[in-house]
Amino acid sequence: TYLMLRSLLLVEGRGPELTVEILEK
């Protein structure tokens, strides 16, 4: 999901702040 979001969001300029919960360090 994160990789798909990264491809959709603009590289330059202000975008959403991303927070991710994972289960394995």
PDB file of all heavy atoms in Angstrom:
ATOM      1  N   THR A   1       0.841  -1.208   0.000  1.00  0.00           N
ATOM      2  CA  THR A   1       0.000   0.000   0.000  1.00  0.00           C
ATOM      3  C   THR A   1       0.869   1.249   0.000  1.00  0.00           C
ATOM      4  O   THR A   1       0.583   2.223  -0.707  1.00  0.00           O
ATOM      5  CB  THR A   1      -0.924   0.000   1.225  1.00  0.00           C
ATOM      6  OG1 THR A   1      -1.753  -1.166   1.192  1.00  0.00           O
ATOM      7  CG2 THR A   1      -1.809   1.242   1.246  1.00  0.00           C
ATOM      8  N   TYR A   2       1.929   1.225   0.791  1.00  0.00           N
ATOM      9  CA  TYR A   2       2.827   2.386   0.845  1.00  0.00           C
ATOM     10  C   TYR A   2       3.461   2.662  -0.518  1.00  0.00           C
ATOM     11  O   TYR A   2       3.535   3.818  -0.964  1.00  0.00           O
ATOM     12  CB  TYR A   2       3.914   2.152   1.892  1.00  0.00           C
ATOM     13  CG  TYR A   2       5.072   3.089   1.739  1.00  0.00           C
ATOM     14  CD1 TYR A   2       4.931   4.455   1.995  1.00  0.00           C
ATOM     15  CD2 TYR A   2       6.307   2.621   1.297  1.00  0.00           C
ATOM     16  CE1 TYR A   2       5.996   5.315   1.818  1.00  0.00           C
ATOM     17  CE2 TYR A   2       7.371   3.486   1.123  1.00  0.00           C
ATOM     18  CZ  TYR A   2       7.210   4.829   1.388  1.00  0.00           C
ATOM     19  OH  TYR A   2       8.263   5.680   1.212  1.00  0.00           O
ATOM     20  N   LEU A   3       3.901   1.615  -1.214  1.00  0.00           N
ATOM     21  CA  LEU A   3       4.526   1.817  -2.524  1.00  0.00           C
ATOM     22  C   LEU A   3       3.535   2.403  -3.528  1.00  0.00           C
ATOM     23  O   LEU A   3       3.894   3.271  -4.339  1.00  0.00           O
ATOM     24  CB  LEU A   3       5.084   0.490  -3.041  1.00  0.00           C
ATOM     25  CG  LEU A   3       6.320  -0.034  -2.309  1.00  0.00           C
ATOM     26  CD1 LEU A   3       6.685  -1.428  -2.803  1.00  0.00           C
ATOM     27  CD2 LEU A   3       7.500   0.920  -2.499  1.00  0.00           C
ATOM     28  N   MET A   4       2.284   1.948  -3.472  1.00  0.00           N
ATOM     29  CA  MET A   4       1.274   2.514  -4.366  1.00  0.00           C
ATOM     30  C   MET A   4       1.008   3.976  -4.028  1.00  0.00           C
ATOM     31  O   MET A   4       0.861   4.814  -4.927  1.00  0.00           O
ATOM     32  CB  MET A   4      -0.015   1.691  -4.280  1.00  0.00           C
ATOM     33  CG  MET A   4       0.073   0.333  -4.953  1.00  0.00           C
ATOM     34  SD  MET A   4      -1.528  -0.506  -5.042  1.00  0.00           S
ATOM     35  CE  MET A   4      -1.819  -0.886  -3.330  1.00  0.00           C
ATOM     36  N   LEU A   5       0.954   4.294  -2.739  1.00  0.00           N
ATOM     37  CA  LEU A   5       0.756   5.688  -2.337  1.00  0.00           C
ATOM     38  C   LEU A   5       1.897   6.562  -2.833  1.00  0.00           C
ATOM     39  O   LEU A   5       1.685   7.674  -3.325  1.00  0.00           O
ATOM     40  CB  LEU A   5       0.673   5.787  -0.811  1.00  0.00           C
ATOM     41  CG  LEU A   5      -0.679   5.623  -0.154  1.00  0.00           C
ATOM     42  CD1 LEU A   5      -0.534   5.656   1.360  1.00  0.00           C
ATOM     43  CD2 LEU A   5      -1.646   6.707  -0.606  1.00  0.00           C
ATOM     44  N   ARG A   6       3.111   6.067  -2.721  1.00  0.00           N
ATOM     45  CA  ARG A   6       4.274   6.847  -3.131  1.00  0.00           C
ATOM     46  C   ARG A   6       4.230   7.169  -4.614  1.00  0.00           C
ATOM     47  O   ARG A   6       4.632   8.248  -5.047  1.00  0.00           O
ATOM     48  CB  ARG A   6       5.559   6.084  -2.795  1.00  0.00           C
ATOM     49  CG  ARG A   6       6.814   6.934  -2.913  1.00  0.00           C
ATOM     50  CD  ARG A   6       8.030   6.184  -2.466  1.00  0.00           C
ATOM     51  NE  ARG A   6       8.344   5.071  -3.352  1.00  0.00           N
ATOM     52  CZ  ARG A   6       9.427   4.309  -3.237  1.00  0.00           C
ATOM     53  NH1 ARG A   6      10.281   4.526  -2.252  1.00  0.00           N
ATOM     54  NH2 ARG A   6       9.652   3.316  -4.075  1.00  0.00           N
ATOM     55  N   SER A   7       3.693   6.247  -5.400  1.00  0.00           N
ATOM     56  CA  SER A   7       3.606   6.485  -6.842  1.00  0.00           C
ATOM     57  C   SER A   7       2.497   7.471  -7.191  1.00  0.00           C
ATOM     58  O   SER A   7       2.544   8.140  -8.228  1.00  0.00           O
ATOM     59  CB  SER A   7       3.384   5.168  -7.586  1.00  0.00           C
ATOM     60  OG  SER A   7       2.116   4.617  -7.282  1.00  0.00           O
ATOM     61  N   LEU A   8       1.484   7.584  -6.307  1.00  0.00           N
ATOM     62  CA  LEU A   8       0.359   8.477  -6.579  1.00  0.00           C
ATOM     63  C   LEU A   8       0.617   9.904  -6.102  1.00  0.00           C
ATOM     64  O   LEU A   8       0.099  10.858  -6.687  1.00  0.00           O
ATOM     65  CB  LEU A   8      -0.909   7.951  -5.892  1.00  0.00           C
ATOM     66  CG  LEU A   8      -1.513   6.658  -6.469  1.00  0.00           C
ATOM     67  CD1 LEU A   8      -2.648   6.179  -5.572  1.00  0.00           C
ATOM     68  CD2 LEU A   8      -2.023   6.879  -7.880  1.00  0.00           C
ATOM     69  N   LEU A   9       1.398  10.042  -5.037  1.00  0.00           N
ATOM     70  CA  LEU A   9       1.605  11.356  -4.447  1.00  0.00           C
ATOM     71  C   LEU A   9       2.753  12.078  -5.140  1.00  0.00           C
ATOM     72  O   LEU A   9       3.695  11.464  -5.627  1.00  0.00           O
ATOM     73  CB  LEU A   9       1.903  11.223  -2.954  1.00  0.00           C
ATOM     74  CG  LEU A   9       0.783  10.584  -2.131  1.00  0.00           C
ATOM     75  CD1 LEU A   9       1.225  10.372  -0.696  1.00  0.00           C
ATOM     76  CD2 LEU A   9      -0.476  11.443  -2.176  1.00  0.00           C
ATOM     77  N   LEU A  10       2.671  13.379  -5.161  1.00  0.00           N
ATOM     78  CA  LEU A  10       3.687  14.186  -5.813  1.00  0.00           C
ATOM     79  C   LEU A  10       5.015  14.053  -5.105  1.00  0.00           C
ATOM     80  O   LEU A  10       5.094  14.018  -3.877  1.00  0.00           O
ATOM     81  CB  LEU A  10       3.259  15.664  -5.829  1.00  0.00           C
ATOM     82  CG  LEU A  10       2.002  16.000  -6.651  1.00  0.00           C
ATOM     83  CD1 LEU A  10       1.638  17.468  -6.444  1.00  0.00           C
ATOM     84  CD2 LEU A  10       2.251  15.723  -8.117  1.00  0.00           C
ATOM     85  N   VAL A  11       6.081  13.984  -5.888  1.00  0.00           N
ATOM     86  CA  VAL A  11       7.425  13.922  -5.321  1.00  0.00           C
ATOM     87  C   VAL A  11       7.803  15.278  -4.757  1.00  0.00           C
ATOM     88  O   VAL A  11       8.380  15.407  -3.678  1.00  0.00           O
ATOM     89  CB  VAL A  11       8.445  13.476  -6.382  1.00  0.00           C
ATOM     90  CG1 VAL A  11       9.854  13.506  -5.803  1.00  0.00           C
ATOM     91  CG2 VAL A  11       8.105  12.091  -6.907  1.00  0.00           C
ATOM     92  N   GLU A  12       7.487  16.336  -5.467  1.00  0.00           N
ATOM     93  CA  GLU A  12       7.799  17.688  -5.025  1.00  0.00           C
ATOM     94  C   GLU A  12       6.571  18.322  -4.383  1.00  0.00           C
ATOM     95  O   GLU A  12       5.440  17.995  -4.695  1.00  0.00           O
ATOM     96  CB  GLU A  12       8.256  18.550  -6.217  1.00  0.00           C
ATOM     97  CG  GLU A  12       9.491  18.012  -6.930  1.00  0.00           C
ATOM     98  CD  GLU A  12      10.726  18.021  -6.063  1.00  0.00           C
ATOM     99  OE1 GLU A  12      10.771  18.830  -5.105  1.00  0.00           O
ATOM    100  OE2 GLU A  12      11.632  17.221  -6.318  1.00  0.00           O
ATOM    101  N   GLY A  13       6.831  19.270  -3.512  1.00  0.00           N
ATOM    102  CA  GLY A  13       5.724  19.987  -2.879  1.00  0.00           C
ATOM    103  C   GLY A  13       5.206  19.268  -1.653  1.00  0.00           C
ATOM    104  O   GLY A  13       5.584  18.139  -1.348  1.00  0.00           O
ATOM    105  N   ARG A  14       4.319  19.917  -0.950  1.00  0.00           N
ATOM    106  CA  ARG A  14       3.794  19.372   0.298  1.00  0.00           C
ATOM    107  C   ARG A  14       2.711  18.340   0.017  1.00  0.00           C
ATOM    108  O   ARG A  14       1.763  18.598  -0.705  1.00  0.00           O
ATOM    109  CB  ARG A  14       3.224  20.504   1.157  1.00  0.00           C
ATOM    110  CG  ARG A  14       2.767  20.033   2.532  1.00  0.00           C
ATOM    111  CD  ARG A  14       2.118  21.160   3.300  1.00  0.00           C
ATOM    112  NE  ARG A  14       1.727  20.724   4.633  1.00  0.00           N
ATOM    113  CZ  ARG A  14       0.638  20.026   4.913  1.00  0.00           C
ATOM    114  NH1 ARG A  14      -0.164  19.686   3.928  1.00  0.00           N
ATOM    115  NH2 ARG A  14       0.351  19.672   6.145  1.00  0.00           N
ATOM    116  N   GLY A  15       2.875  17.176   0.579  1.00  0.00           N
ATOM    117  CA  GLY A  15       1.870  16.128   0.453  1.00  0.00           C
ATOM    118  C   GLY A  15       1.418  15.678   1.830  1.00  0.00           C
ATOM    119  O   GLY A  15       1.819  16.246   2.847  1.00  0.00           O
ATOM    120  N   PRO A  16       0.584  14.655   1.893  1.00  0.00           N
ATOM    121  CA  PRO A  16       0.128  14.163   3.194  1.00  0.00           C
ATOM    122  C   PRO A  16       1.292  13.615   4.020  1.00  0.00           C
ATOM    123  O   PRO A  16       2.269  13.096   3.475  1.00  0.00           O
ATOM    124  CB  PRO A  16      -0.851  13.035   2.822  1.00  0.00           C
ATOM    125  CG  PRO A  16      -1.162  13.223   1.380  1.00  0.00           C
ATOM    126  CD  PRO A  16       0.018  13.909   0.772  1.00  0.00           C
ATOM    127  N   GLU A  17       1.174  13.734   5.331  1.00  0.00           N
ATOM    128  CA  GLU A  17       2.141  13.105   6.221  1.00  0.00           C
ATOM    129  C   GLU A  17       1.733  11.644   6.401  1.00  0.00           C
ATOM    130  O   GLU A  17       0.576  11.343   6.688  1.00  0.00           O
ATOM    131  CB  GLU A  17       2.171  13.832   7.570  1.00  0.00           C
ATOM    132  CG  GLU A  17       2.696  15.256   7.461  1.00  0.00           C
ATOM    133  CD  GLU A  17       2.655  15.992   8.792  1.00  0.00           C
ATOM    134  OE1 GLU A  17       2.346  15.345   9.822  1.00  0.00           O
ATOM    135  OE2 GLU A  17       2.930  17.203   8.808  1.00  0.00           O
ATOM    136  N   LEU A  18       2.679  10.736   6.221  1.00  0.00           N
ATOM    137  CA  LEU A  18       2.390   9.308   6.232  1.00  0.00           C
ATOM    138  C   LEU A  18       2.838   8.679   7.550  1.00  0.00           C
ATOM    139  O   LEU A  18       3.953   8.919   8.016  1.00  0.00           O
ATOM    140  CB  LEU A  18       3.092   8.605   5.078  1.00  0.00           C
ATOM    141  CG  LEU A  18       2.778   9.105   3.663  1.00  0.00           C
ATOM    142  CD1 LEU A  18       3.563   8.297   2.636  1.00  0.00           C
ATOM    143  CD2 LEU A  18       1.291   9.018   3.383  1.00  0.00           C
ATOM    144  N   THR A  19       1.963   7.866   8.129  1.00  0.00           N
ATOM    145  CA  THR A  19       2.289   7.077   9.315  1.00  0.00           C
ATOM    146  C   THR A  19       1.915   5.634   9.013  1.00  0.00           C
ATOM    147  O   THR A  19       0.858   5.365   8.448  1.00  0.00           O
ATOM    148  CB  THR A  19       1.497   7.565  10.552  1.00  0.00           C
ATOM    149  OG1 THR A  19       1.757   8.957  10.755  1.00  0.00           O
ATOM    150  CG2 THR A  19       1.911   6.799  11.795  1.00  0.00           C
ATOM    151  N   VAL A  20       2.805   4.706   9.377  1.00  0.00           N
ATOM    152  CA  VAL A  20       2.575   3.294   9.080  1.00  0.00           C
ATOM    153  C   VAL A  20       2.731   2.484  10.362  1.00  0.00           C
ATOM    154  O   VAL A  20       3.685   2.688  11.130  1.00  0.00           O
ATOM    155  CB  VAL A  20       3.572   2.769   8.019  1.00  0.00           C
ATOM    156  CG1 VAL A  20       3.300   1.292   7.729  1.00  0.00           C
ATOM    157  CG2 VAL A  20       3.474   3.581   6.744  1.00  0.00           C
ATOM    158  N   GLU A  21       1.784   1.580  10.600  1.00  0.00           N
ATOM    159  CA  GLU A  21       1.921   0.611  11.686  1.00  0.00           C
ATOM    160  C   GLU A  21       2.386  -0.710  11.091  1.00  0.00           C
ATOM    161  O   GLU A  21       1.783  -1.213  10.137  1.00  0.00           O
ATOM    162  CB  GLU A  21       0.594   0.393  12.410  1.00  0.00           C
ATOM    163  CG  GLU A  21       0.724  -0.625  13.542  1.00  0.00           C
ATOM    164  CD  GLU A  21      -0.611  -1.233  13.967  1.00  0.00           C
ATOM    165  OE1 GLU A  21      -1.611  -1.069  13.242  1.00  0.00           O
ATOM    166  OE2 GLU A  21      -0.641  -1.886  15.022  1.00  0.00           O
ATOM    167  N   ILE A  22       3.461  -1.273  11.637  1.00  0.00           N
ATOM    168  CA  ILE A  22       3.902  -2.600  11.220  1.00  0.00           C
ATOM    169  C   ILE A  22       4.017  -3.490  12.446  1.00  0.00           C
ATOM    170  O   ILE A  22       3.932  -3.024  13.585  1.00  0.00           O
ATOM    171  CB  ILE A  22       5.244  -2.563  10.439  1.00  0.00           C
ATOM    172  CG1 ILE A  22       6.378  -2.025  11.319  1.00  0.00           C
ATOM    173  CG2 ILE A  22       5.101  -1.748   9.168  1.00  0.00           C
ATOM    174  CD1 ILE A  22       7.752  -2.138  10.650  1.00  0.00           C
ATOM    175  N   LEU A  23       4.237  -4.784  12.203  1.00  0.00           N
ATOM    176  CA  LEU A  23       4.207  -5.753  13.290  1.00  0.00           C
ATOM    177  C   LEU A  23       5.543  -6.430  13.532  1.00  0.00           C
ATOM    178  O   LEU A  23       5.708  -7.110  14.548  1.00  0.00           O
ATOM    179  CB  LEU A  23       3.140  -6.818  12.995  1.00  0.00           C
ATOM    180  CG  LEU A  23       1.733  -6.250  12.793  1.00  0.00           C
ATOM    181  CD1 LEU A  23       0.783  -7.341  12.338  1.00  0.00           C
ATOM    182  CD2 LEU A  23       1.217  -5.601  14.069  1.00  0.00           C
ATOM    183  N   GLU A  24       6.498  -6.262  12.629  1.00  0.00           N
ATOM    184  CA  GLU A  24       7.812  -6.876  12.805  1.00  0.00           C
ATOM    185  C   GLU A  24       8.901  -5.838  12.577  1.00  0.00           C
ATOM    186  O   GLU A  24       8.945  -5.186  11.527  1.00  0.00           O
ATOM    187  CB  GLU A  24       7.990  -8.057  11.842  1.00  0.00           C
ATOM    188  CG  GLU A  24       7.039  -9.217  12.150  1.00  0.00           C
ATOM    189  CD  GLU A  24       7.281 -10.432  11.255  1.00  0.00           C
ATOM    190  OE1 GLU A  24       7.715 -10.243  10.101  1.00  0.00           O
ATOM    191  OE2 GLU A  24       7.045 -11.558  11.718  1.00  0.00           O
ATOM    192  N   LYS A  25       9.784  -5.699  13.548  1.00  0.00           N
ATOM    193  CA  LYS A  25      10.847  -4.699  13.484  1.00  0.00           C
ATOM    194  C   LYS A  25      11.739  -4.909  12.260  1.00  0.00           C
ATOM    195  O   LYS A  25      12.268  -3.953  11.687  1.00  0.00           O
ATOM    196  CB  LYS A  25      11.678  -4.770  14.767  1.00  0.00           C
ATOM    197  CG  LYS A  25      12.801  -3.755  14.840  1.00  0.00           C
ATOM    198  CD  LYS A  25      13.605  -3.942  16.110  1.00  0.00           C
ATOM    199  CE  LYS A  25      14.797  -2.993  16.146  1.00  0.00           C
ATOM    200  NZ  LYS A  25      15.633  -3.222  17.368  1.00  0.00           N
TER     201      LYS A  25
END
